[in-house]
Amino acid sequence: MFSIEHEFDSTVVTLVDEGTAPLGEDVVINMFEDCVTIEQYDARTDTMQKITLSPNQVQDLSAALDLPEGVYMLKRDDS
């Protein structure tokens, strides 16, 4: 299950793990104009862990989801 919310300066997608135990913590993705952050609660340290991706890294990740094993470089249209 997931939810999508539009905030003032970002779009927030929350991914909720469903199914049989053990379940993973929710993943919260904040999409801003200049970056994307991914957050997940870490019960071992009782903290939120955050990863920040640039727009280029998000494009690379999106492309990687549909490609076989290997090393790739996307040709970017920087116009």
Protein backbone atom coordinates (compact mmCIF):
# COMPACT_ATOMS: atom_id res chain seq x y z
CA MET A 1 0.00 0.00 0.00
CA PHE A 2 1.16 3.55 -0.59
CA SER A 3 -0.08 7.09 -0.21
CA ILE A 4 0.64 10.29 -2.14
CA GLU A 5 0.33 13.74 -0.58
CA HIS A 6 1.07 17.13 -2.11
CA GLU A 7 2.70 19.50 0.37
CA PHE A 8 3.64 23.16 -0.11
CA ASP A 9 7.12 22.46 -1.49
CA SER A 10 7.16 18.71 -2.19
CA THR A 11 5.24 15.60 -3.10
CA VAL A 12 5.38 12.92 -0.40
CA VAL A 13 5.00 9.22 -1.20
CA THR A 14 4.79 6.79 1.72
CA LEU A 15 5.31 3.07 1.06
CA VAL A 16 3.77 0.76 3.65
CA ASP A 17 5.02 -2.84 3.85
CA GLU A 18 2.15 -5.32 3.82
CA GLY A 19 2.03 -9.06 4.17
CA THR A 20 3.29 -11.55 6.70
CA ALA A 21 5.65 -10.64 9.52
CA PRO A 22 8.33 -9.48 9.80
CA LEU A 23 7.33 -6.26 8.09
CA GLY A 24 9.69 -3.45 7.17
CA GLU A 25 9.26 0.10 8.44
CA ASP A 26 7.42 2.60 6.22
CA VAL A 27 9.53 4.32 3.56
CA VAL A 28 8.84 8.05 3.05
CA ILE A 29 9.93 9.65 -0.23
CA ASN A 30 9.95 13.47 -0.41
CA MET A 31 10.24 14.84 -3.95
CA PHE A 32 11.45 18.44 -4.03
CA GLU A 33 12.36 20.58 -7.03
CA ASP A 34 16.12 20.04 -6.57
CA CYS A 35 16.38 16.65 -4.82
CA VAL A 36 14.58 13.57 -3.55
CA THR A 37 14.93 12.33 0.01
CA ILE A 38 14.17 8.79 1.18
CA GLU A 39 13.58 8.24 4.90
CA GLN A 40 13.03 5.13 6.99
CA TYR A 41 12.88 4.62 10.75
CA ASP A 42 15.69 2.42 12.14
CA ALA A 43 14.48 0.66 15.29
CA ARG A 44 18.02 -0.47 16.16
CA THR A 45 19.21 3.12 16.61
CA ASP A 46 15.80 4.74 17.26
CA THR A 47 16.50 7.30 14.51
CA MET A 48 15.22 8.22 11.07
CA GLN A 49 17.74 7.38 8.35
CA LYS A 50 17.76 9.75 5.35
CA ILE A 51 19.25 9.45 1.87
CA THR A 52 19.30 12.43 -0.52
CA LEU A 53 19.39 11.86 -4.29
CA SER A 54 20.05 14.42 -7.01
CA PRO A 55 17.68 14.58 -9.99
CA ASN A 56 20.30 12.72 -12.08
CA GLN A 57 20.52 9.93 -9.50
CA VAL A 58 16.73 9.58 -9.55
CA GLN A 59 16.80 9.26 -13.36
CA ASP A 60 19.55 6.64 -13.09
CA LEU A 61 17.59 4.68 -10.49
CA SER A 62 14.46 4.78 -12.62
CA ALA A 63 16.37 3.47 -15.64
CA ALA A 64 18.15 0.79 -13.57
CA LEU A 65 14.86 -0.76 -12.50
CA ASP A 66 14.26 -1.96 -16.08
CA LEU A 67 17.79 -3.01 -17.13
CA PRO A 68 19.74 -6.25 -16.80
CA GLU A 69 22.96 -6.57 -14.80
CA GLY A 70 25.77 -4.33 -16.08
CA VAL A 71 27.29 -0.84 -15.93
CA TYR A 72 25.50 1.95 -17.77
CA MET A 73 25.71 5.69 -18.45
CA LEU A 74 22.58 7.58 -19.45
CA LYS A 75 22.85 10.11 -22.23
CA ARG A 76 21.30 13.24 -20.79
CA ASP A 77 19.61 16.00 -22.75
CA ASP A 78 21.08 19.06 -20.97
CA SER A 79 19.41 21.62 -23.21
